[in-house]
């Protein structure tokens, strides 16, 4: 399973880096996926994650590499989606920010549970959602910093497409993603955590 994941990761990475829209945007958009690989390689022996967590991380990396190749405003498939629904903008970036809440929610949940950080599922869910929102806010500040530092060069990276509420809607999508991940995947994630604990004993 891990081998398949690595093959998918590096195949999409190789495709993404070949003749992207521009390499500056590619690097900015791909950076989280590249960092994720480094962190996973550094921790896989002493703190392996569940198959669910690794699978979601891989999907998120694919979303990032696709957006990095075209820029979020120019992903071809979402032009068709935009035209079908009569939207004014390409909303692929909203998918990215949804994943920015959905995927970290499961990773954060796993780390909090396995390290017994909080007691009670209510507190667990609150902490998970808060971590995802904090991560989303940090990313928005990073985007702001890049925009201030580079001016017009960051336009493709920001992908606002003239939408004045882009930052707020990005964070709302991350919040929605985190909440839905907890609602949909918590029970399945619990079973995977039990299986992982059994395999380590």
C-alpha atoms as a PDB file:
ATOM      1  CA  UNK A   1       0.000   0.000   0.000  1.00  0.00           C
ATOM      2  CA  UNK A   2       2.820   2.384   0.903  1.00  0.00           C
ATOM      3  CA  UNK A   3       4.618   1.518  -2.323  1.00  0.00           C
ATOM      4  CA  UNK A   4       1.504   2.319  -4.374  1.00  0.00           C
ATOM      5  CA  UNK A   5       1.141   5.615  -2.522  1.00  0.00           C
ATOM      6  CA  UNK A   6       4.731   6.586  -3.272  1.00  0.00           C
ATOM      7  CA  UNK A   7       4.342   5.656  -6.936  1.00  0.00           C
ATOM      8  CA  UNK A   8       1.227   7.834  -7.215  1.00  0.00           C
ATOM      9  CA  UNK A   9       2.891  10.692  -5.330  1.00  0.00           C
ATOM     10  CA  UNK A  10       6.038  10.791  -7.460  1.00  0.00           C
ATOM     11  CA  UNK A  11       4.166  10.189 -10.716  1.00  0.00           C
ATOM     12  CA  UNK A  12       1.892  13.187 -10.104  1.00  0.00           C
ATOM     13  CA  UNK A  13       4.855  15.228  -8.858  1.00  0.00           C
ATOM     14  CA  UNK A  14       6.831  14.453 -12.032  1.00  0.00           C
ATOM     15  CA  UNK A  15       3.866  15.392 -14.244  1.00  0.00           C
ATOM     16  CA  UNK A  16       3.214  18.563 -12.247  1.00  0.00           C
ATOM     17  CA  UNK A  17       6.752  19.913 -12.470  1.00  0.00           C
ATOM     18  CA  UNK A  18       6.985  19.521 -16.260  1.00  0.00           C
ATOM     19  CA  UNK A  19       6.153  22.837 -17.958  1.00  0.00           C
ATOM     20  CA  UNK A  20       3.837  24.289 -15.298  1.00  0.00           C
ATOM     21  CA  UNK A  21       2.119  27.658 -15.712  1.00  0.00           C
ATOM     22  CA  UNK A  22       5.132  29.232 -13.958  1.00  0.00           C
ATOM     23  CA  UNK A  23       7.727  27.791 -11.604  1.00  0.00           C
ATOM     24  CA  UNK A  24       7.366  30.448  -8.906  1.00  0.00           C
ATOM     25  CA  UNK A  25       3.692  29.590  -8.419  1.00  0.00           C
ATOM     26  CA  UNK A  26       4.463  25.888  -8.763  1.00  0.00           C
ATOM     27  CA  UNK A  27       6.934  26.019  -5.903  1.00  0.00           C
ATOM     28  CA  UNK A  28       4.599  27.987  -3.628  1.00  0.00           C
ATOM     29  CA  UNK A  29       1.645  25.690  -4.280  1.00  0.00           C
ATOM     30  CA  UNK A  30       3.669  22.474  -4.096  1.00  0.00           C
ATOM     31  CA  UNK A  31       5.609  23.358  -0.957  1.00  0.00           C
ATOM     32  CA  UNK A  32       3.071  21.858   1.517  1.00  0.00           C
ATOM     33  CA  UNK A  33       3.069  18.546  -0.399  1.00  0.00           C
ATOM     34  CA  UNK A  34       6.868  18.464  -0.501  1.00  0.00           C
ATOM     35  CA  UNK A  35       7.063  19.251   3.215  1.00  0.00           C
ATOM     36  CA  UNK A  36       4.477  16.533   3.933  1.00  0.00           C
ATOM     37  CA  UNK A  37       6.695  13.919   2.263  1.00  0.00           C
ATOM     38  CA  UNK A  38       9.702  15.006   4.331  1.00  0.00           C
ATOM     39  CA  UNK A  39       7.710  14.845   7.573  1.00  0.00           C
ATOM     40  CA  UNK A  40       6.258  11.422   6.724  1.00  0.00           C
ATOM     41  CA  UNK A  41       9.673   9.983   5.872  1.00  0.00           C
ATOM     42  CA  UNK A  42      11.090  11.387   9.133  1.00  0.00           C
ATOM     43  CA  UNK A  43       8.287   9.976  11.309  1.00  0.00           C
ATOM     44  CA  UNK A  44       7.108   6.788   9.587  1.00  0.00           C
ATOM     45  CA  UNK A  45       9.164   4.458  11.815  1.00  0.00           C
ATOM     46  CA  UNK A  46       8.619   6.018  15.234  1.00  0.00           C
ATOM     47  CA  UNK A  47       5.058   7.311  14.661  1.00  0.00           C
ATOM     48  CA  UNK A  48       3.381   5.565  11.701  1.00  0.00           C
ATOM     49  CA  UNK A  49      -0.083   6.826  10.868  1.00  0.00           C
ATOM     50  CA  UNK A  50      -3.177   4.891   9.890  1.00  0.00           C
ATOM     51  CA  UNK A  51      -3.806   3.941   6.284  1.00  0.00           C
ATOM     52  CA  UNK A  52      -6.704   6.414   6.291  1.00  0.00           C
ATOM     53  CA  UNK A  53      -4.455   9.310   7.294  1.00  0.00           C
ATOM     54  CA  UNK A  54      -1.800   8.433   4.727  1.00  0.00           C
ATOM     55  CA  UNK A  55      -4.435   8.017   2.005  1.00  0.00           C
ATOM     56  CA  UNK A  56      -5.988  11.410   2.741  1.00  0.00           C
ATOM     57  CA  UNK A  57      -2.567  13.072   2.783  1.00  0.00           C
ATOM     58  CA  UNK A  58      -1.849  11.552  -0.643  1.00  0.00           C
ATOM     59  CA  UNK A  59      -5.146  12.857  -2.052  1.00  0.00           C
ATOM     60  CA  UNK A  60      -4.370  16.305  -0.674  1.00  0.00           C
ATOM     61  CA  UNK A  61      -0.910  16.215  -2.271  1.00  0.00           C
ATOM     62  CA  UNK A  62      -2.463  15.328  -5.640  1.00  0.00           C
ATOM     63  CA  UNK A  63      -4.847  18.296  -5.298  1.00  0.00           C
ATOM     64  CA  UNK A  64      -1.881  20.552  -4.513  1.00  0.00           C
ATOM     65  CA  UNK A  65       0.248  19.293  -7.408  1.00  0.00           C
ATOM     66  CA  UNK A  66      -2.631  19.709  -9.851  1.00  0.00           C
ATOM     67  CA  UNK A  67      -3.254  23.275  -8.679  1.00  0.00           C
ATOM     68  CA  UNK A  68       0.462  23.988  -8.777  1.00  0.00           C
ATOM     69  CA  UNK A  69       0.760  22.870 -12.383  1.00  0.00           C
ATOM     70  CA  UNK A  70      -2.077  24.972 -13.782  1.00  0.00           C
ATOM     71  CA  UNK A  71      -2.485  27.526 -10.939  1.00  0.00           C
ATOM     72  CA  UNK A  72      -5.718  27.228  -8.972  1.00  0.00           C
ATOM     73  CA  UNK A  73      -7.561  29.698 -11.185  1.00  0.00           C
ATOM     74  CA  UNK A  74      -6.762  27.779 -14.377  1.00  0.00           C
ATOM     75  CA  UNK A  75      -7.411  24.095 -13.619  1.00  0.00           C
ATOM     76  CA  UNK A  76      -9.111  22.956 -16.824  1.00  0.00           C
ATOM     77  CA  UNK A  77     -11.646  20.550 -15.327  1.00  0.00           C
ATOM     78  CA  UNK A  78     -12.986  23.231 -13.023  1.00  0.00           C
ATOM     79  CA  UNK A  79     -13.515  25.592 -15.956  1.00  0.00           C
ATOM     80  CA  UNK A  80     -16.122  23.072 -17.094  1.00  0.00           C
ATOM     81  CA  UNK A  81     -17.600  22.939 -13.587  1.00  0.00           C
ATOM     82  CA  UNK A  82     -17.671  26.752 -13.492  1.00  0.00           C
ATOM     83  CA  UNK A  83     -19.475  26.963 -16.814  1.00  0.00           C
ATOM     84  CA  UNK A  84     -21.944  24.211 -15.894  1.00  0.00           C
ATOM     85  CA  UNK A  85     -23.033  25.962 -12.695  1.00  0.00           C
ATOM     86  CA  UNK A  86     -22.736  29.468 -14.136  1.00  0.00           C
ATOM     87  CA  UNK A  87     -20.132  30.535 -11.599  1.00  0.00           C
ATOM     88  CA  UNK A  88     -18.125  33.724 -12.096  1.00  0.00           C
ATOM     89  CA  UNK A  89     -14.814  32.124 -11.073  1.00  0.00           C
ATOM     90  CA  UNK A  90     -12.913  28.858 -11.145  1.00  0.00           C
ATOM     91  CA  UNK A  91     -13.489  27.391  -7.676  1.00  0.00           C
ATOM     92  CA  UNK A  92     -10.737  24.769  -7.654  1.00  0.00           C
ATOM     93  CA  UNK A  93      -9.073  26.740  -4.864  1.00  0.00           C
ATOM     94  CA  UNK A  94     -12.153  26.077  -2.711  1.00  0.00           C
ATOM     95  CA  UNK A  95     -11.602  22.348  -3.175  1.00  0.00           C
ATOM     96  CA  UNK A  96      -8.027  22.892  -2.027  1.00  0.00           C
ATOM     97  CA  UNK A  97      -9.119  24.770   1.073  1.00  0.00           C
ATOM     98  CA  UNK A  98     -11.815  22.194   1.812  1.00  0.00           C
ATOM     99  CA  UNK A  99      -9.065  19.565   1.768  1.00  0.00           C
ATOM    100  CA  UNK A 100      -6.996  21.866   3.969  1.00  0.00           C
ATOM    101  CA  UNK A 101      -9.591  21.273   6.676  1.00  0.00           C
ATOM    102  CA  UNK A 102     -10.712  17.733   5.834  1.00  0.00           C
ATOM    103  CA  UNK A 103      -7.277  16.093   5.767  1.00  0.00           C
ATOM    104  CA  UNK A 104      -5.590  17.835   8.734  1.00  0.00           C
ATOM    105  CA  UNK A 105      -8.690  17.052  10.813  1.00  0.00           C
ATOM    106  CA  UNK A 106      -7.973  13.328  10.652  1.00  0.00           C
ATOM    107  CA  UNK A 107      -4.222  13.787  11.140  1.00  0.00           C
ATOM    108  CA  UNK A 108      -4.762  16.094  14.121  1.00  0.00           C
ATOM    109  CA  UNK A 109      -7.390  13.729  15.539  1.00  0.00           C
ATOM    110  CA  UNK A 110      -4.958  10.832  15.282  1.00  0.00           C
ATOM    111  CA  UNK A 111      -2.131  12.673  17.000  1.00  0.00           C
ATOM    112  CA  UNK A 112      -4.384  13.949  19.792  1.00  0.00           C
ATOM    113  CA  UNK A 113      -5.926  10.534  20.473  1.00  0.00           C
ATOM    114  CA  UNK A 114      -2.702   8.550  20.375  1.00  0.00           C
ATOM    115  CA  UNK A 115      -0.940  10.992  22.681  1.00  0.00           C
ATOM    116  CA  UNK A 116      -3.949  11.256  25.034  1.00  0.00           C
ATOM    117  CA  UNK A 117      -3.877  15.052  24.788  1.00  0.00           C
ATOM    118  CA  UNK A 118      -7.554  15.630  25.633  1.00  0.00           C
ATOM    119  CA  UNK A 119     -10.292  13.749  27.468  1.00  0.00           C
ATOM    120  CA  UNK A 120     -13.749  13.330  25.974  1.00  0.00           C
ATOM    121  CA  UNK A 121     -14.930  13.387  22.381  1.00  0.00           C
ATOM    122  CA  UNK A 122     -16.414  16.863  22.708  1.00  0.00           C
ATOM    123  CA  UNK A 123     -13.058  18.365  23.668  1.00  0.00           C
ATOM    124  CA  UNK A 124     -11.354  16.260  21.004  1.00  0.00           C
ATOM    125  CA  UNK A 125     -13.619  17.610  18.265  1.00  0.00           C
ATOM    126  CA  UNK A 126     -13.206  21.178  19.519  1.00  0.00           C
ATOM    127  CA  UNK A 127      -9.429  20.888  19.496  1.00  0.00           C
ATOM    128  CA  UNK A 128      -9.383  19.288  16.038  1.00  0.00           C
ATOM    129  CA  UNK A 129     -11.567  21.996  14.494  1.00  0.00           C
ATOM    130  CA  UNK A 130      -9.550  24.719  16.256  1.00  0.00           C
ATOM    131  CA  UNK A 131      -6.275  23.286  14.955  1.00  0.00           C
ATOM    132  CA  UNK A 132      -7.632  23.168  11.403  1.00  0.00           C
ATOM    133  CA  UNK A 133      -8.869  26.764  11.590  1.00  0.00           C
ATOM    134  CA  UNK A 134      -5.527  27.881  13.044  1.00  0.00           C
ATOM    135  CA  UNK A 135      -3.708  26.094  10.229  1.00  0.00           C
ATOM    136  CA  UNK A 136      -5.989  27.726   7.657  1.00  0.00           C
ATOM    137  CA  UNK A 137      -5.440  31.177   9.195  1.00  0.00           C
ATOM    138  CA  UNK A 138      -1.673  30.616   9.207  1.00  0.00           C
ATOM    139  CA  UNK A 139      -1.775  29.723   5.517  1.00  0.00           C
ATOM    140  CA  UNK A 140      -3.777  32.855   4.722  1.00  0.00           C
ATOM    141  CA  UNK A 141      -1.168  34.946   6.546  1.00  0.00           C
ATOM    142  CA  UNK A 142       1.525  33.175   4.553  1.00  0.00           C
ATOM    143  CA  UNK A 143      -0.307  34.085   1.339  1.00  0.00           C
ATOM    144  CA  UNK A 144      -0.559  37.687   2.543  1.00  0.00           C
ATOM    145  CA  UNK A 145       3.161  37.770   3.327  1.00  0.00           C
ATOM    146  CA  UNK A 146       4.055  36.423  -0.102  1.00  0.00           C
ATOM    147  CA  UNK A 147       1.770  38.973  -1.764  1.00  0.00           C
ATOM    148  CA  UNK A 148       3.342  41.858   0.170  1.00  0.00           C
ATOM    149  CA  UNK A 149       6.861  40.630  -0.560  1.00  0.00           C
ATOM    150  CA  UNK A 150       6.431  39.872  -4.263  1.00  0.00           C
ATOM    151  CA  UNK A 151       3.610  42.143  -5.439  1.00  0.00           C
ATOM    152  CA  UNK A 152       2.005  41.120  -8.728  1.00  0.00           C
ATOM    153  CA  UNK A 153       4.169  37.987  -8.900  1.00  0.00           C
ATOM    154  CA  UNK A 154       1.922  36.389  -6.280  1.00  0.00           C
ATOM    155  CA  UNK A 155      -1.336  36.916  -8.163  1.00  0.00           C
ATOM    156  CA  UNK A 156      -1.457  33.350  -9.526  1.00  0.00           C
ATOM    157  CA  UNK A 157      -0.593  31.987  -6.092  1.00  0.00           C
ATOM    158  CA  UNK A 158      -3.381  33.910  -4.371  1.00  0.00           C
ATOM    159  CA  UNK A 159      -5.982  32.981  -6.987  1.00  0.00           C
ATOM    160  CA  UNK A 160      -8.531  35.478  -5.662  1.00  0.00           C
ATOM    161  CA  UNK A 161      -9.902  36.141  -9.174  1.00  0.00           C
ATOM    162  CA  UNK A 162     -11.306  39.468  -7.989  1.00  0.00           C
ATOM    163  CA  UNK A 163     -13.337  37.946  -5.151  1.00  0.00           C
ATOM    164  CA  UNK A 164     -13.066  40.304  -2.158  1.00  0.00           C
ATOM    165  CA  UNK A 165     -14.170  37.652   0.358  1.00  0.00           C
ATOM    166  CA  UNK A 166     -11.664  35.063  -0.845  1.00  0.00           C
ATOM    167  CA  UNK A 167      -9.764  34.809   2.449  1.00  0.00           C
ATOM    168  CA  UNK A 168     -12.918  34.433   4.526  1.00  0.00           C
ATOM    169  CA  UNK A 169     -14.456  31.884   2.170  1.00  0.00           C
ATOM    170  CA  UNK A 170     -11.189  29.907   2.114  1.00  0.00           C
ATOM    171  CA  UNK A 171     -11.295  29.593   5.895  1.00  0.00           C
ATOM    172  CA  UNK A 172     -14.999  28.735   5.807  1.00  0.00           C
ATOM    173  CA  UNK A 173     -14.255  25.877   3.395  1.00  0.00           C
ATOM    174  CA  UNK A 174     -11.495  24.594   5.689  1.00  0.00           C
ATOM    175  CA  UNK A 175     -13.934  24.741   8.614  1.00  0.00           C
ATOM    176  CA  UNK A 176     -16.555  22.841   6.612  1.00  0.00           C
ATOM    177  CA  UNK A 177     -13.971  20.248   5.600  1.00  0.00           C
ATOM    178  CA  UNK A 178     -12.855  19.695   9.204  1.00  0.00           C
ATOM    179  CA  UNK A 179     -16.403  19.302  10.494  1.00  0.00           C
ATOM    180  CA  UNK A 180     -17.419  16.903   7.720  1.00  0.00           C
ATOM    181  CA  UNK A 181     -14.291  14.805   8.231  1.00  0.00           C
ATOM    182  CA  UNK A 182     -15.184  14.354  11.892  1.00  0.00           C
ATOM    183  CA  UNK A 183     -18.809  13.513  11.102  1.00  0.00           C
ATOM    184  CA  UNK A 184     -18.103  11.110   8.250  1.00  0.00           C
ATOM    185  CA  UNK A 185     -14.831   9.417   9.213  1.00  0.00           C
ATOM    186  CA  UNK A 186     -14.546   9.331  13.022  1.00  0.00           C
ATOM    187  CA  UNK A 187     -15.955   5.803  13.500  1.00  0.00           C
ATOM    188  CA  UNK A 188     -13.906   4.370  10.642  1.00  0.00           C
ATOM    189  CA  UNK A 189     -10.850   6.202  11.949  1.00  0.00           C
ATOM    190  CA  UNK A 190     -11.408   4.723  15.430  1.00  0.00           C
ATOM    191  CA  UNK A 191     -11.373   1.207  13.958  1.00  0.00           C
ATOM    192  CA  UNK A 192      -8.163   1.944  12.095  1.00  0.00           C
ATOM    193  CA  UNK A 193      -6.580   3.296  15.279  1.00  0.00           C
ATOM    194  CA  UNK A 194      -7.523   0.082  17.093  1.00  0.00           C
ATOM    195  CA  UNK A 195      -6.033  -2.018  14.285  1.00  0.00           C
ATOM    196  CA  UNK A 196      -2.841   0.053  14.357  1.00  0.00           C
ATOM    197  CA  UNK A 197      -2.547  -0.298  18.132  1.00  0.00           C
ATOM    198  CA  UNK A 198      -3.045  -4.078  17.867  1.00  0.00           C
ATOM    199  CA  UNK A 199      -0.341  -4.382  15.200  1.00  0.00           C
ATOM    200  CA  UNK A 200       2.130  -2.473  17.357  1.00  0.00           C
ATOM    201  CA  UNK A 201       1.601  -4.671  20.459  1.00  0.00           C
END
